[in-house]
C-alpha atoms as a PDB file:
ATOM      1  CA  MET A   1      -7.411 111.432 109.963  1.00  0.00           C
ATOM      2  CA  SER A   2      -9.293 109.061 112.199  1.00  0.00           C
ATOM      3  CA  ALA A   3      -7.722 106.990 114.922  1.00  0.00           C
ATOM      4  CA  SER A   4      -7.799 103.914 112.716  1.00  0.00           C
ATOM      5  CA  GLU A   5      -5.850 105.574 109.899  1.00  0.00           C
ATOM      6  CA  GLY A   6      -2.130 106.059 109.629  1.00  0.00           C
ATOM      7  CA  ILE A   7       0.958 105.356 107.625  1.00  0.00           C
ATOM      8  CA  HIS A   8       1.188 101.757 106.429  1.00  0.00           C
ATOM      9  CA  ILE A   9       4.762 100.668 105.909  1.00  0.00           C
ATOM     10  CA  SER A  10       4.715  98.018 103.223  1.00  0.00           C
ATOM     11  CA  SER A  11       6.950  96.697 100.492  1.00  0.00           C
ATOM     12  CA  THR A  12       4.113  96.611  97.965  1.00  0.00           C
ATOM     13  CA  PRO A  13       3.657  99.667  95.671  1.00  0.00           C
ATOM     14  CA  SER A  14      -0.135  99.450  95.874  1.00  0.00           C
ATOM     15  CA  ALA A  15      -0.106  99.918  99.617  1.00  0.00           C
ATOM     16  CA  SER A  16       2.153 102.965  99.336  1.00  0.00           C
ATOM     17  CA  ALA A  17      -0.034 104.468  96.638  1.00  0.00           C
ATOM     18  CA  SER A  18      -3.163 104.041  98.735  1.00  0.00           C
ATOM     19  CA  VAL A  19      -1.497 105.810 101.629  1.00  0.00           C
ATOM     20  CA  LEU A  20      -0.487 108.755  99.478  1.00  0.00           C
ATOM     21  CA  ASP A  21      -3.957 108.985  97.996  1.00  0.00           C
ATOM     22  CA  SER A  22      -5.518 109.014 101.433  1.00  0.00           C
ATOM     23  CA  LEU A  23      -3.137 111.735 102.528  1.00  0.00           C
ATOM     24  CA  THR A  24      -3.893 113.992  99.597  1.00  0.00           C
ATOM     25  CA  SER A  25      -7.640 113.582  99.955  1.00  0.00           C
ATOM     26  CA  ASN A  26      -7.589 114.456 103.659  1.00  0.00           C
ATOM     27  CA  SER A  27      -7.671 118.161 104.530  1.00  0.00           C
ATOM     28  CA  SER A  28      -7.746 117.825 108.313  1.00  0.00           C
ATOM     29  CA  THR A  29      -5.128 119.387 110.557  1.00  0.00           C
ATOM     30  CA  LEU A  30      -2.050 117.560 111.719  1.00  0.00           C
ATOM     31  CA  SER A  31      -2.891 117.696 115.410  1.00  0.00           C
ATOM     32  CA  PRO A  32      -3.439 115.279 116.964  1.00  0.00           C
ATOM     33  CA  PRO A  33      -1.656 112.808 114.648  1.00  0.00           C
ATOM     34  CA  SER A  34      -3.140 109.415 114.027  1.00  0.00           C
ATOM     35  CA  ILE A  35      -1.666 106.354 115.703  1.00  0.00           C
ATOM     36  CA  PRO A  36      -2.463 102.919 114.256  1.00  0.00           C
ATOM     37  CA  PRO A  37      -3.577 100.207 116.661  1.00  0.00           C
ATOM     38  CA  ALA A  38      -1.013  97.623 117.692  1.00  0.00           C
ATOM     39  CA  SER A  39      -2.919  94.870 115.881  1.00  0.00           C
ATOM     40  CA  GLN A  40      -2.854  96.706 112.544  1.00  0.00           C
ATOM     41  CA  ASN A  41      -0.790  95.063 109.817  1.00  0.00           C
ATOM     42  CA  ILE A  42       1.934  97.484 108.804  1.00  0.00           C
ATOM     43  CA  GLY A  43       4.383  95.181 107.058  1.00  0.00           C
ATOM     44  CA  ASP A  44       7.949  94.938 108.335  1.00  0.00           C
ATOM     45  CA  ASP A  45       8.264  95.519 112.058  1.00  0.00           C
ATOM     46  CA  SER A  46      11.724  97.051 112.082  1.00  0.00           C
ATOM     47  CA  ILE A  47      14.412  98.597 109.943  1.00  0.00           C
ATOM     48  CA  SER A  48      17.799  96.924 110.147  1.00  0.00           C
ATOM     49  CA  GLY A  49      20.886  99.088 110.111  1.00  0.00           C
ATOM     50  CA  LYS A  50      22.500 101.531 112.480  1.00  0.00           C
ATOM     51  CA  PHE A  51      19.326 101.838 114.544  1.00  0.00           C
ATOM     52  CA  ASP A  52      16.802  99.179 115.482  1.00  0.00           C
ATOM     53  CA  ILE A  53      13.578 101.138 115.004  1.00  0.00           C
ATOM     54  CA  ASN A  54      10.254  99.524 115.798  1.00  0.00           C
ATOM     55  CA  LEU A  55       7.749 100.704 113.212  1.00  0.00           C
ATOM     56  CA  LYS A  56       4.900  99.903 115.589  1.00  0.00           C
ATOM     57  CA  ASP A  57       6.149 102.588 117.945  1.00  0.00           C
ATOM     58  CA  PRO A  58       3.393 105.244 118.111  1.00  0.00           C
ATOM     59  CA  LEU A  59       5.974 108.033 118.040  1.00  0.00           C
ATOM     60  CA  VAL A  60       7.241 106.845 114.678  1.00  0.00           C
ATOM     61  CA  PHE A  61       3.761 107.142 113.225  1.00  0.00           C
ATOM     62  CA  GLU A  62       3.229 110.454 114.951  1.00  0.00           C
ATOM     63  CA  TYR A  63       6.166 112.062 113.204  1.00  0.00           C
ATOM     64  CA  LEU A  64       5.662 110.181 109.964  1.00  0.00           C
ATOM     65  CA  ASN A  65       2.009 111.210 109.731  1.00  0.00           C
ATOM     66  CA  ALA A  66       2.942 114.810 110.400  1.00  0.00           C
ATOM     67  CA  ILE A  67       5.621 114.823 107.731  1.00  0.00           C
ATOM     68  CA  MET A  68       3.660 113.045 105.011  1.00  0.00           C
ATOM     69  CA  GLY A  69       0.381 114.745 105.778  1.00  0.00           C
ATOM     70  CA  ARG A  70       1.784 118.245 105.749  1.00  0.00           C
ATOM     71  CA  ALA A  71       3.976 117.746 102.711  1.00  0.00           C
ATOM     72  CA  TYR A  72       1.280 116.204 100.526  1.00  0.00           C
ATOM     73  CA  ARG A  73      -1.751 118.201 101.659  1.00  0.00           C
ATOM     74  CA  GLU A  74      -0.052 121.571 101.390  1.00  0.00           C
ATOM     75  CA  ASN A  75       1.670 121.006  98.068  1.00  0.00           C
ATOM     76  CA  ARG A  76      -0.678 118.858  95.970  1.00  0.00           C
ATOM     77  CA  TYR A  77       2.149 116.815  94.440  1.00  0.00           C
ATOM     78  CA  ASP A  78       4.008 119.968  93.396  1.00  0.00           C
ATOM     79  CA  HIS A  79       7.491 118.443  93.230  1.00  0.00           C
ATOM     80  CA  ALA A  80       9.411 121.709  93.353  1.00  0.00           C
ATOM     81  CA  LYS A  81       7.571 123.023  96.394  1.00  0.00           C
ATOM     82  CA  TYR A  82       7.472 119.583  97.997  1.00  0.00           C
ATOM     83  CA  PHE A  83      11.264 119.492  97.752  1.00  0.00           C
ATOM     84  CA  GLN A  84      11.471 122.745  99.743  1.00  0.00           C
ATOM     85  CA  VAL A  85       9.096 121.408 102.375  1.00  0.00           C
ATOM     86  CA  LEU A  86      11.179 118.253 102.738  1.00  0.00           C
ATOM     87  CA  THR A  87      14.291 120.340 103.287  1.00  0.00           C
ATOM     88  CA  ILE A  88      12.594 122.306 106.053  1.00  0.00           C
ATOM     89  CA  LEU A  89      11.147 119.213 107.683  1.00  0.00           C
ATOM     90  CA  LYS A  90      14.465 117.389 107.559  1.00  0.00           C
ATOM     91  CA  LYS A  91      16.054 120.182 109.565  1.00  0.00           C
ATOM     92  CA  ARG A  92      13.155 120.184 111.994  1.00  0.00           C
ATOM     93  CA  TYR A  93      13.209 116.430 112.559  1.00  0.00           C
ATOM     94  CA  THR A  94      16.980 115.975 112.534  1.00  0.00           C
ATOM     95  CA  PRO A  95      18.230 113.244 114.902  1.00  0.00           C
ATOM     96  CA  ILE A  96      20.994 115.539 116.141  1.00  0.00           C
ATOM     97  CA  GLN A  97      18.494 117.154 118.510  1.00  0.00           C
ATOM     98  CA  ARG A  98      18.378 115.268 121.788  1.00  0.00           C
ATOM     99  CA  CYS A  99      14.835 114.525 122.848  1.00  0.00           C
ATOM    100  CA  GLY A 100      15.309 113.212 126.362  1.00  0.00           C
ATOM    101  CA  THR A 101      14.399 109.591 125.661  1.00  0.00           C
ATOM    102  CA  ARG A 102      16.006 107.014 123.437  1.00  0.00           C
ATOM    103  CA  ARG A 103      12.647 106.040 121.962  1.00  0.00           C
ATOM    104  CA  LEU A 104      11.861 109.564 120.808  1.00  0.00           C
ATOM    105  CA  GLU A 105      15.344 109.933 119.386  1.00  0.00           C
ATOM    106  CA  LEU A 106      14.905 106.756 117.357  1.00  0.00           C
ATOM    107  CA  ALA A 107      11.547 107.960 116.094  1.00  0.00           C
ATOM    108  CA  ARG A 108      13.087 111.212 114.932  1.00  0.00           C
ATOM    109  CA  THR A 109      15.985 109.281 113.396  1.00  0.00           C
ATOM    110  CA  PHE A 110      13.618 107.101 111.398  1.00  0.00           C
ATOM    111  CA  CYS A 111      11.789 110.180 110.132  1.00  0.00           C
ATOM    112  CA  TRP A 112      15.084 111.761 109.152  1.00  0.00           C
ATOM    113  CA  ILE A 113      16.105 108.614 107.250  1.00  0.00           C
ATOM    114  CA  PHE A 114      12.727 108.598 105.518  1.00  0.00           C
ATOM    115  CA  LEU A 115      13.043 112.264 104.564  1.00  0.00           C
ATOM    116  CA  ARG A 116      16.533 111.763 103.195  1.00  0.00           C
ATOM    117  CA  ALA A 117      15.355 108.874 101.019  1.00  0.00           C
ATOM    118  CA  ALA A 118      12.321 110.861  99.866  1.00  0.00           C
ATOM    119  CA  GLN A 119      14.533 113.821  99.049  1.00  0.00           C
ATOM    120  CA  GLU A 120      16.782 111.657  96.876  1.00  0.00           C
ATOM    121  CA  VAL A 121      13.760 110.323  95.004  1.00  0.00           C
ATOM    122  CA  LEU A 122      12.413 113.830  94.473  1.00  0.00           C
ATOM    123  CA  GLU A 123      15.769 114.972  93.147  1.00  0.00           C
ATOM    124  CA  GLU A 124      15.601 112.166  90.591  1.00  0.00           C
ATOM    125  CA  VAL A 125      12.024 113.122  89.712  1.00  0.00           C
ATOM    126  CA  THR A 126      13.048 116.756  89.283  1.00  0.00           C
ATOM    127  CA  GLN A 127      15.930 115.714  87.029  1.00  0.00           C
ATOM    128  CA  LEU A 128      13.638 113.519  84.940  1.00  0.00           C
ATOM    129  CA  ARG A 129      11.129 116.365  84.581  1.00  0.00           C
ATOM    130  CA  GLU A 130      13.922 118.634  83.348  1.00  0.00           C
ATOM    131  CA  GLU A 131      15.006 115.992  80.830  1.00  0.00           C
ATOM    132  CA  VAL A 132      11.424 115.583  79.614  1.00  0.00           C
ATOM    133  CA  GLN A 133      11.084 119.360  79.259  1.00  0.00           C
ATOM    134  CA  GLU A 134      14.328 119.469  77.283  1.00  0.00           C
ATOM    135  CA  LEU A 135      13.128 116.680  75.003  1.00  0.00           C
ATOM    136  CA  ARG A 136       9.842 118.512  74.456  1.00  0.00           C
ATOM    137  CA  SER A 137      11.666 121.705  73.503  1.00  0.00           C
ATOM    138  CA  ARG A 138      13.963 119.758  71.200  1.00  0.00           C
ATOM    139  CA  LYS A 139      10.929 118.100  69.639  1.00  0.00           C
ATOM    140  CA  GLY A 140       9.601 121.535  68.746  1.00  0.00           C
ATOM    141  CA  GLU A 141      12.970 122.502  67.293  1.00  0.00           C
ATOM    142  CA  ILE A 142      13.130 119.283  65.272  1.00  0.00           C
ATOM    143  CA  GLU A 143       9.639 119.850  63.882  1.00  0.00           C
ATOM    144  CA  GLU A 144      10.564 123.419  62.949  1.00  0.00           C
ATOM    145  CA  VAL A 145      13.806 122.306  61.299  1.00  0.00           C
ATOM    146  CA  THR A 146      11.946 119.608  59.363  1.00  0.00           C
ATOM    147  CA  GLN A 147       9.445 122.160  58.101  1.00  0.00           C
ATOM    148  CA  LEU A 148      12.236 124.528  57.084  1.00  0.00           C
ATOM    149  CA  ARG A 149      14.015 121.730  55.248  1.00  0.00           C
ATOM    150  CA  GLU A 150      10.866 120.961  53.286  1.00  0.00           C
ATOM    151  CA  GLU A 151      10.507 124.630  52.363  1.00  0.00           C
ATOM    152  CA  VAL A 152      14.166 124.809  51.332  1.00  0.00           C
ATOM    153  CA  GLN A 153      13.762 121.693  49.185  1.00  0.00           C
ATOM    154  CA  GLU A 154      10.733 123.226  47.505  1.00  0.00           C
ATOM    155  CA  LEU A 155      12.614 126.454  46.838  1.00  0.00           C
ATOM    156  CA  ARG A 156      15.522 124.496  45.394  1.00  0.00           C
ATOM    157  CA  GLY A 157      13.155 122.800  42.963  1.00  0.00           C
ATOM    158  CA  ILE A 158      11.802 126.173  41.849  1.00  0.00           C
ATOM    159  CA  ARG A 159      15.348 127.504  41.507  1.00  0.00           C
ATOM    160  CA  ASP A 160      16.400 124.562  39.309  1.00  0.00           C
ATOM    161  CA  GLU A 161      13.319 125.003  37.134  1.00  0.00           C
ATOM    162  CA  MET A 162      13.990 128.714  36.670  1.00  0.00           C
ATOM    163  CA  HIS A 163      17.623 127.923  35.860  1.00  0.00           C
ATOM    164  CA  GLN A 164      16.481 125.599  33.072  1.00  0.00           C
ATOM    165  CA  TYR A 165      14.268 128.353  31.631  1.00  0.00           C
ATOM    166  CA  ARG A 166      17.178 130.788  31.734  1.00  0.00           C
ATOM    167  CA  GLN A 167      19.438 128.359  29.864  1.00  0.00           C
ATOM    168  CA  MET A 168      16.739 127.877  27.234  1.00  0.00           C
ATOM    169  CA  MET A 169      16.338 131.625  26.773  1.00  0.00           C
ATOM    170  CA  GLU A 170      20.110 132.026  26.360  1.00  0.00           C
ATOM    171  CA  LYS A 171      20.146 129.336  23.656  1.00  0.00           C
ATOM    172  CA  MET A 172      17.232 131.004  21.890  1.00  0.00           C
ATOM    173  CA  GLN A 173      19.058 134.329  21.972  1.00  0.00           C
ATOM    174  CA  GLN A 174      22.198 132.723  20.541  1.00  0.00           C
ATOM    175  CA  PHE A 175      20.168 131.057  17.747  1.00  0.00           C
ATOM    176  CA  ILE A 176      18.432 134.271  16.786  1.00  0.00           C
ATOM    177  CA  THR A 177      21.706 136.194  16.771  1.00  0.00           C
ATOM    178  CA  ALA A 178      23.462 133.564  14.624  1.00  0.00           C
ATOM    179  CA  ASN A 179      20.638 133.314  12.092  1.00  0.00           C
ATOM    180  CA  MET A 180      19.527 136.933  11.948  1.00  0.00           C
ATOM    181  CA  GLY A 181      19.037 138.011   8.321  1.00  0.00           C
ATOM    182  CA  SER A 182      19.037 134.413   7.039  1.00  0.00           C
ATOM    183  CA  CYS A 183      15.846 133.163   5.426  1.00  0.00           C
ATOM    184  CA  SER A 184      16.959 129.537   5.142  1.00  0.00           C
ATOM    185  CA  THR A 185      15.912 128.667   8.731  1.00  0.00           C
ATOM    186  CA  SER A 186      12.268 127.816   8.940  1.00  0.00           C
ATOM    187  CA  LEU A 187       9.954 127.761  11.924  1.00  0.00           C
ATOM    188  CA  GLN A 188       9.992 123.945  11.892  1.00  0.00           C
ATOM    189  CA  THR A 189      13.781 123.908  12.305  1.00  0.00           C
ATOM    190  CA  PHE A 190      13.516 126.350  15.190  1.00  0.00           C
ATOM    191  CA  GLN A 191      10.871 124.261  16.953  1.00  0.00           C
ATOM    192  CA  ARG A 192      12.924 121.105  16.449  1.00  0.00           C
ATOM    193  CA  GLN A 193      15.944 122.592  18.143  1.00  0.00           C
ATOM    194  CA  PHE A 194      13.935 124.345  20.825  1.00  0.00           C
ATOM    195  CA  PRO A 195      10.926 122.285  21.864  1.00  0.00           C
ATOM    196  CA  PRO A 196       8.375 124.043  24.057  1.00  0.00           C
ATOM    197  CA  PRO A 197       9.282 124.005  27.782  1.00  0.00           C
ATOM    198  CA  PRO A 198       7.258 121.985  30.285  1.00  0.00           C
ATOM    199  CA  PRO A 199       4.364 123.755  31.988  1.00  0.00           C
ATOM    200  CA  PRO A 200       5.410 125.935  34.958  1.00  0.00           C
ATOM    201  CA  SER A 201       5.335 124.434  38.416  1.00  0.00           C
ATOM    202  CA  THR A 202       2.286 125.090  40.613  1.00  0.00           C
ATOM    203  CA  ALA A 203       4.202 124.495  43.874  1.00  0.00           C
ATOM    204  CA  ILE A 204       3.937 128.140  44.943  1.00  0.00           C
END
């Protein structure tokens, strides 16, 4: 990164997206980190809460650039691996370590807070990806079940048709047995009682 580049803290999503894009497209090393000029517009100047951290402090940007740059350049938005990197970096930049000066301690504290928030977001992203994967697998199962149901319905239709033919053959056998040896039953009477069956199904 050049000396004029750095992390822009802003409440607008577009600004955050542009920062992430610039980080992923930059393959330079992390040393020395970039420090934005004091006149650069970086949004809110401080974070209210337990610590009063000045976001214009060069040390904040030094650690923040190192964290974001390394995590995004090395992992190419791979959420699973990025989660592991965040865990390592959170231990490395933990505020429990005393750094000699209050300013450096606050810078490390801000980075730790940032990493914790990023880790929570990544956990949600990982959970959502798992849910999407589950839905995709269920979609395949649903499509397979639907296809099987259609095949079963088709087989049921064939079964019912064959059952009708069997009933007709049984009636024909009963008629022949009852009228065997009798010459009074003509072919017309037989055809009236047993009309020709419908043409066979071409479903198979």
